[in-house]
N, C-alpha and C. Protein backbone atom coordinates (compact mmCIF):
# COMPACT_ATOMS: atom_id res chain seq x y z
N MET A 1 -41.23 -12.93 -37.77
CA MET A 1 -40.70 -12.97 -36.21
C MET A 1 -40.25 -11.51 -35.48
N THR A 2 -40.51 -11.61 -34.95
CA THR A 2 -40.26 -10.98 -33.53
C THR A 2 -39.16 -10.81 -32.41
N ASN A 3 -38.09 -10.12 -32.80
CA ASN A 3 -37.24 -10.99 -31.57
C ASN A 3 -37.42 -9.80 -30.25
N LEU A 4 -37.87 -11.16 -29.23
CA LEU A 4 -37.94 -11.00 -27.99
C LEU A 4 -36.98 -11.09 -27.08
N MET A 5 -36.10 -10.30 -26.27
CA MET A 5 -35.56 -10.34 -24.97
C MET A 5 -36.34 -10.26 -24.24
N VAL A 6 -35.93 -10.73 -22.78
CA VAL A 6 -36.67 -12.03 -22.12
C VAL A 6 -35.06 -12.00 -20.89
N ALA A 7 -35.11 -10.84 -20.23
CA ALA A 7 -34.19 -11.68 -18.75
C ALA A 7 -34.64 -13.16 -18.63
N PRO A 8 -33.33 -13.14 -17.58
CA PRO A 8 -32.97 -14.33 -17.40
C PRO A 8 -34.07 -13.94 -15.77
N ALA A 9 -34.51 -15.56 -15.47
CA ALA A 9 -35.19 -15.23 -14.55
C ALA A 9 -34.52 -15.68 -13.20
N THR A 10 -34.14 -14.28 -12.25
CA THR A 10 -34.06 -14.36 -10.94
C THR A 10 -34.09 -15.87 -10.40
N PRO A 11 -32.99 -16.47 -9.27
CA PRO A 11 -33.29 -16.86 -8.43
C PRO A 11 -33.47 -17.16 -6.89
N ASP A 12 -34.70 -17.85 -6.48
CA ASP A 12 -35.47 -16.89 -5.81
C ASP A 12 -33.93 -18.41 -5.20
N ILE A 13 -32.98 -17.88 -4.57
CA ILE A 13 -32.17 -18.32 -3.46
C ILE A 13 -31.87 -17.14 -2.54
N ASP A 14 -31.76 -17.44 -1.64
CA ASP A 14 -30.44 -16.73 -0.45
C ASP A 14 -29.38 -16.65 -0.20
N ILE A 15 -28.40 -16.49 -1.00
CA ILE A 15 -26.28 -16.79 -1.29
C ILE A 15 -26.41 -15.52 -0.12
N GLN A 16 -25.47 -16.43 1.02
CA GLN A 16 -25.15 -15.39 2.16
C GLN A 16 -23.20 -15.78 1.93
N ILE A 17 -21.86 -15.11 1.26
CA ILE A 17 -21.02 -15.54 1.60
C ILE A 17 -20.27 -15.37 2.77
N ALA A 18 -19.35 -15.98 3.36
CA ALA A 18 -18.30 -15.07 4.25
C ALA A 18 -17.79 -14.94 3.97
N PRO A 19 -17.20 -14.37 4.69
CA PRO A 19 -15.85 -13.63 4.49
C PRO A 19 -14.48 -14.83 4.48
N LYS A 20 -13.59 -14.92 3.84
CA LYS A 20 -12.85 -16.22 3.90
C LYS A 20 -11.47 -15.64 5.41
N VAL A 21 -11.67 -16.29 6.36
CA VAL A 21 -10.65 -15.50 7.72
C VAL A 21 -10.17 -16.60 6.84
N ASP A 22 -8.83 -15.80 7.45
CA ASP A 22 -7.49 -16.28 6.67
C ASP A 22 -6.99 -16.97 8.18
N GLU A 23 -6.47 -18.48 8.58
CA GLU A 23 -6.22 -19.53 9.81
C GLU A 23 -5.07 -18.20 10.41
N ALA A 24 -3.57 -18.01 9.38
CA ALA A 24 -2.42 -17.57 10.51
C ALA A 24 -2.82 -16.11 10.77
N VAL A 25 -3.93 -15.75 10.30
CA VAL A 25 -3.93 -14.15 11.16
C VAL A 25 -4.28 -14.44 12.72
N GLN A 26 -3.10 -13.33 13.07
CA GLN A 26 -2.77 -13.24 14.66
C GLN A 26 -3.92 -12.21 15.34
N LEU A 27 -4.49 -13.09 16.00
CA LEU A 27 -5.88 -12.15 16.44
C LEU A 27 -5.47 -12.06 18.12
N ASP A 28 -3.86 -12.26 18.71
CA ASP A 28 -3.67 -11.62 19.57
C ASP A 28 -3.45 -10.50 20.35
N PRO A 29 -3.32 -10.04 21.24
CA PRO A 29 -3.39 -9.00 21.04
C PRO A 29 -1.95 -8.59 21.97
N PRO A 30 -1.69 -7.17 20.79
CA PRO A 30 -0.03 -6.95 20.82
C PRO A 30 0.15 -6.83 22.59
N SER A 31 2.04 -7.31 22.25
CA SER A 31 2.69 -6.77 23.21
C SER A 31 4.01 -6.81 22.92
N LYS A 32 4.29 -5.98 23.99
CA LYS A 32 5.79 -5.50 24.68
C LYS A 32 7.05 -6.08 24.84
N VAL A 33 8.34 -6.94 23.79
CA VAL A 33 9.10 -7.35 24.74
C VAL A 33 10.20 -6.64 25.37
N LEU A 34 10.61 -7.12 26.54
CA LEU A 34 11.60 -6.52 26.86
C LEU A 34 12.57 -7.15 27.48
N ILE A 35 14.07 -6.73 27.18
CA ILE A 35 15.24 -7.22 27.73
C ILE A 35 15.60 -6.15 28.51
N HIS A 36 15.56 -7.13 29.89
CA HIS A 36 17.09 -6.68 31.22
C HIS A 36 18.91 -6.86 31.18
N ASN A 37 18.97 -6.18 31.21
CA ASN A 37 20.73 -5.44 31.82
C ASN A 37 21.35 -7.13 33.07
N ASP A 38 21.84 -7.76 32.17
CA ASP A 38 22.13 -8.49 33.69
C ASP A 38 24.21 -8.37 32.97
N ASP A 39 24.44 -8.44 33.92
CA ASP A 39 26.33 -8.30 34.10
C ASP A 39 26.95 -9.50 34.08
N VAL A 40 26.35 -10.21 33.50
CA VAL A 40 27.28 -11.37 33.27
C VAL A 40 27.66 -11.69 31.58
N THR A 41 26.30 -12.02 30.54
CA THR A 41 25.21 -11.92 29.60
C THR A 41 26.06 -11.39 28.63
N PRO A 42 28.04 -11.89 28.03
CA PRO A 42 28.03 -10.63 26.82
C PRO A 42 28.00 -9.53 25.60
N MET A 43 27.70 -9.18 25.40
CA MET A 43 27.17 -8.02 24.95
C MET A 43 26.87 -8.48 23.19
N ASP A 44 27.50 -9.37 22.62
CA ASP A 44 28.01 -10.18 21.27
C ASP A 44 27.07 -10.91 21.56
N PHE A 45 26.50 -11.33 22.26
CA PHE A 45 25.68 -12.68 22.84
C PHE A 45 24.48 -12.58 22.64
N VAL A 46 24.11 -10.72 23.17
CA VAL A 46 23.00 -10.78 23.18
C VAL A 46 22.58 -10.24 22.23
N VAL A 47 23.34 -9.32 20.67
CA VAL A 47 23.38 -8.88 20.05
C VAL A 47 22.76 -10.28 18.92
N ASN A 48 23.48 -11.08 19.59
CA ASN A 48 23.48 -12.22 18.50
C ASN A 48 21.88 -13.05 18.33
N VAL A 49 21.31 -13.20 19.81
CA VAL A 49 19.97 -13.09 20.43
C VAL A 49 19.21 -12.48 19.84
N LEU A 50 19.55 -11.11 19.72
CA LEU A 50 18.31 -9.81 19.01
C LEU A 50 18.05 -10.55 17.61
N ARG A 51 18.84 -11.05 17.45
CA ARG A 51 18.94 -10.24 15.55
C ARG A 51 18.97 -11.68 15.21
N GLY A 52 18.74 -13.23 15.60
CA GLY A 52 18.41 -14.76 14.86
C GLY A 52 17.76 -14.59 15.24
N ILE A 53 16.35 -14.25 16.97
CA ILE A 53 15.72 -14.34 17.21
C ILE A 53 14.72 -13.61 17.30
N PHE A 54 14.91 -12.30 17.05
CA PHE A 54 13.60 -11.36 17.08
C PHE A 54 13.76 -10.43 15.85
N GLU A 55 14.76 -11.12 14.98
CA GLU A 55 14.93 -10.84 13.11
C GLU A 55 15.57 -9.06 13.39
N LEU A 56 16.00 -8.39 14.49
CA LEU A 56 16.42 -6.71 14.75
C LEU A 56 17.75 -6.66 13.45
N SER A 57 17.61 -5.53 13.05
CA SER A 57 18.21 -5.85 11.53
C SER A 57 19.74 -5.96 13.01
N TRP A 58 21.12 -5.76 12.66
CA TRP A 58 22.61 -5.60 13.48
C TRP A 58 22.70 -3.83 14.19
N GLN A 59 22.20 -3.15 13.54
CA GLN A 59 22.37 -1.67 14.26
C GLN A 59 20.85 -2.11 15.19
N GLN A 60 19.36 -2.45 14.77
CA GLN A 60 18.62 -2.13 15.78
C GLN A 60 18.66 -2.78 17.51
N ALA A 61 20.03 -4.21 16.65
CA ALA A 61 20.57 -4.60 17.39
C ALA A 61 21.10 -4.22 19.15
N GLU A 62 22.28 -3.52 18.64
CA GLU A 62 23.05 -2.70 19.24
C GLU A 62 21.99 -1.72 19.62
N VAL A 63 21.34 -0.97 19.31
CA VAL A 63 21.24 -0.03 20.20
C VAL A 63 20.06 -0.81 21.46
N VAL A 64 19.29 -1.39 20.93
CA VAL A 64 18.37 -2.32 21.83
C VAL A 64 19.72 -2.92 23.04
N MET A 65 20.43 -3.10 22.37
CA MET A 65 21.37 -3.94 23.91
C MET A 65 21.53 -2.69 24.53
N LEU A 66 22.54 -2.39 23.87
CA LEU A 66 23.12 -0.66 24.65
C LEU A 66 22.50 0.15 26.15
N THR A 67 21.34 0.43 24.74
CA THR A 67 19.83 0.92 26.18
C THR A 67 19.87 0.11 27.14
N ALA A 68 19.77 -1.18 26.52
CA ALA A 68 19.22 -2.21 28.04
C ALA A 68 20.72 -1.91 29.42
N HIS A 69 21.68 -2.26 28.30
CA HIS A 69 22.45 -1.81 29.58
C HIS A 69 23.20 -0.45 30.06
N PHE A 70 22.21 -0.23 29.85
CA PHE A 70 22.76 2.15 30.35
C PHE A 70 22.19 2.43 30.91
N ARG A 71 20.28 1.62 30.37
CA ARG A 71 19.02 1.68 31.28
C ARG A 71 18.95 0.78 31.92
N GLY A 72 18.94 -0.61 31.84
CA GLY A 72 18.18 -1.78 33.26
C GLY A 72 17.61 -2.85 31.76
N GLN A 73 16.59 -1.68 31.27
CA GLN A 73 16.24 -2.63 30.57
C GLN A 73 15.96 -1.43 29.37
N ALA A 74 14.89 -2.31 27.64
CA ALA A 74 14.58 -1.82 26.49
C ALA A 74 14.00 -2.28 25.89
N LEU A 75 13.47 -1.68 25.19
CA LEU A 75 11.67 -2.34 24.13
C LEU A 75 12.83 -3.01 22.85
N VAL A 76 12.37 -4.46 22.89
CA VAL A 76 13.07 -5.06 21.39
C VAL A 76 11.70 -4.93 20.07
N GLY A 77 10.26 -4.84 21.22
CA GLY A 77 9.10 -4.78 19.82
C GLY A 77 8.69 -5.02 20.57
N VAL A 78 7.11 -4.88 19.50
CA VAL A 78 5.96 -5.04 19.73
C VAL A 78 5.66 -6.57 18.84
N TYR A 79 4.12 -8.12 19.18
CA TYR A 79 4.39 -9.16 18.66
C TYR A 79 2.66 -9.14 18.81
N PRO A 80 2.53 -10.01 18.62
CA PRO A 80 1.19 -10.56 18.85
C PRO A 80 1.77 -12.11 20.37
N LEU A 81 0.74 -11.01 21.16
CA LEU A 81 1.18 -12.73 22.31
C LEU A 81 1.57 -14.06 22.54
N GLU A 82 1.45 -14.23 21.39
CA GLU A 82 1.65 -16.00 21.42
C GLU A 82 3.03 -15.93 20.71
N ASP A 83 3.44 -15.48 19.38
CA ASP A 83 4.63 -14.81 18.88
C ASP A 83 5.98 -14.05 19.86
N ALA A 84 5.36 -13.46 20.77
CA ALA A 84 6.14 -12.95 21.97
C ALA A 84 6.66 -14.15 22.93
N LYS A 85 5.42 -14.87 23.39
CA LYS A 85 6.02 -15.19 24.04
C LYS A 85 7.28 -17.03 23.35
N TYR A 86 6.67 -17.12 22.61
CA TYR A 86 7.40 -18.54 21.59
C TYR A 86 9.27 -17.34 21.43
N ARG A 87 8.82 -16.18 21.02
CA ARG A 87 10.67 -15.34 20.90
C ARG A 87 10.86 -16.03 22.17
N VAL A 88 9.95 -15.25 23.43
CA VAL A 88 11.26 -15.06 24.25
C VAL A 88 11.73 -16.57 25.15
N GLY A 89 10.76 -17.22 24.51
CA GLY A 89 11.06 -19.17 25.06
C GLY A 89 12.42 -19.63 24.29
N GLN A 90 12.30 -18.86 23.08
CA GLN A 90 13.73 -19.27 21.86
C GLN A 90 14.37 -18.68 23.23
N ALA A 91 14.32 -17.55 22.88
CA ALA A 91 15.65 -16.10 24.05
C ALA A 91 16.44 -16.92 24.77
N HIS A 92 15.33 -17.54 26.36
CA HIS A 92 15.24 -17.86 27.10
C HIS A 92 16.75 -19.56 27.42
N GLY A 93 16.15 -20.53 26.39
CA GLY A 93 16.41 -21.31 26.03
C GLY A 93 17.63 -20.69 25.61
N LEU A 94 18.50 -20.31 24.41
CA LEU A 94 19.65 -20.49 23.78
C LEU A 94 20.61 -20.09 25.42
N ALA A 95 19.63 -18.42 26.18
CA ALA A 95 20.88 -17.61 26.81
C ALA A 95 20.66 -19.04 27.91
N ARG A 96 20.25 -19.93 28.04
CA ARG A 96 20.50 -21.23 29.89
C ARG A 96 21.27 -21.96 28.82
N ALA A 97 21.01 -22.48 27.84
CA ALA A 97 22.47 -23.70 27.30
C ALA A 97 22.65 -23.25 27.12
N GLU A 98 23.76 -21.89 27.71
CA GLU A 98 24.77 -21.72 26.77
C GLU A 98 25.68 -20.92 28.79
N GLY A 99 24.90 -21.17 29.72
CA GLY A 99 24.87 -20.41 31.07
C GLY A 99 24.42 -18.81 31.31
N TYR A 100 24.11 -18.36 30.68
CA TYR A 100 23.47 -17.22 30.71
C TYR A 100 22.00 -16.68 31.88
N PRO A 101 22.11 -15.65 31.91
CA PRO A 101 21.11 -15.43 32.74
C PRO A 101 20.31 -14.28 32.41
N LEU A 102 20.44 -14.13 30.42
CA LEU A 102 19.50 -13.54 30.07
C LEU A 102 18.46 -13.34 30.17
N SER A 103 17.76 -12.07 30.46
CA SER A 103 16.20 -12.27 30.99
C SER A 103 15.05 -11.36 29.84
N PHE A 104 14.40 -12.16 29.44
CA PHE A 104 13.35 -10.98 28.86
C PHE A 104 11.92 -11.35 29.21
N THR A 105 10.68 -10.31 29.20
CA THR A 105 9.72 -10.20 29.48
C THR A 105 8.44 -9.72 28.72
N ILE A 106 7.14 -9.73 29.20
CA ILE A 106 5.99 -9.54 28.29
C ILE A 106 5.33 -8.38 28.79
N GLU A 107 4.84 -7.25 28.51
CA GLU A 107 3.68 -6.58 28.71
C GLU A 107 3.02 -7.25 27.43
N PRO A 108 1.40 -6.22 28.66
CA PRO A 108 0.56 -5.52 27.44
C PRO A 108 0.77 -4.41 26.88
N ASP A 109 0.90 -4.31 25.13
CA ASP A 109 1.13 -2.61 24.41
C ASP A 109 -0.25 -2.55 25.13
N GLU A 110 0.00 -1.08 25.73
CA GLU A 110 -1.09 -0.35 25.80
C GLU A 110 -1.77 0.96 25.20
């Protein structure tokens, strides 16, 4: 008796596997969020907004706040566009609820 090894037949099927796309991946263009100085909003309120909404550390928030205070504006961070819009909307809403004119703008990150 002879032991013949026969290779399994190759299936006649063309299989194409599409890469898995994570729906949570942001495909928005990166956008800069800038904070603008005003003479009304208290510095501690600004620091709390930067920490709570933009997730900056206490030290980062202090530096951003002081930079805006002395230079008129400062870079808060770079975020996907929809995330930037959401965070700026949250910050503006919180400031208006307290009666402050705190202002942020969004620019393309070039």
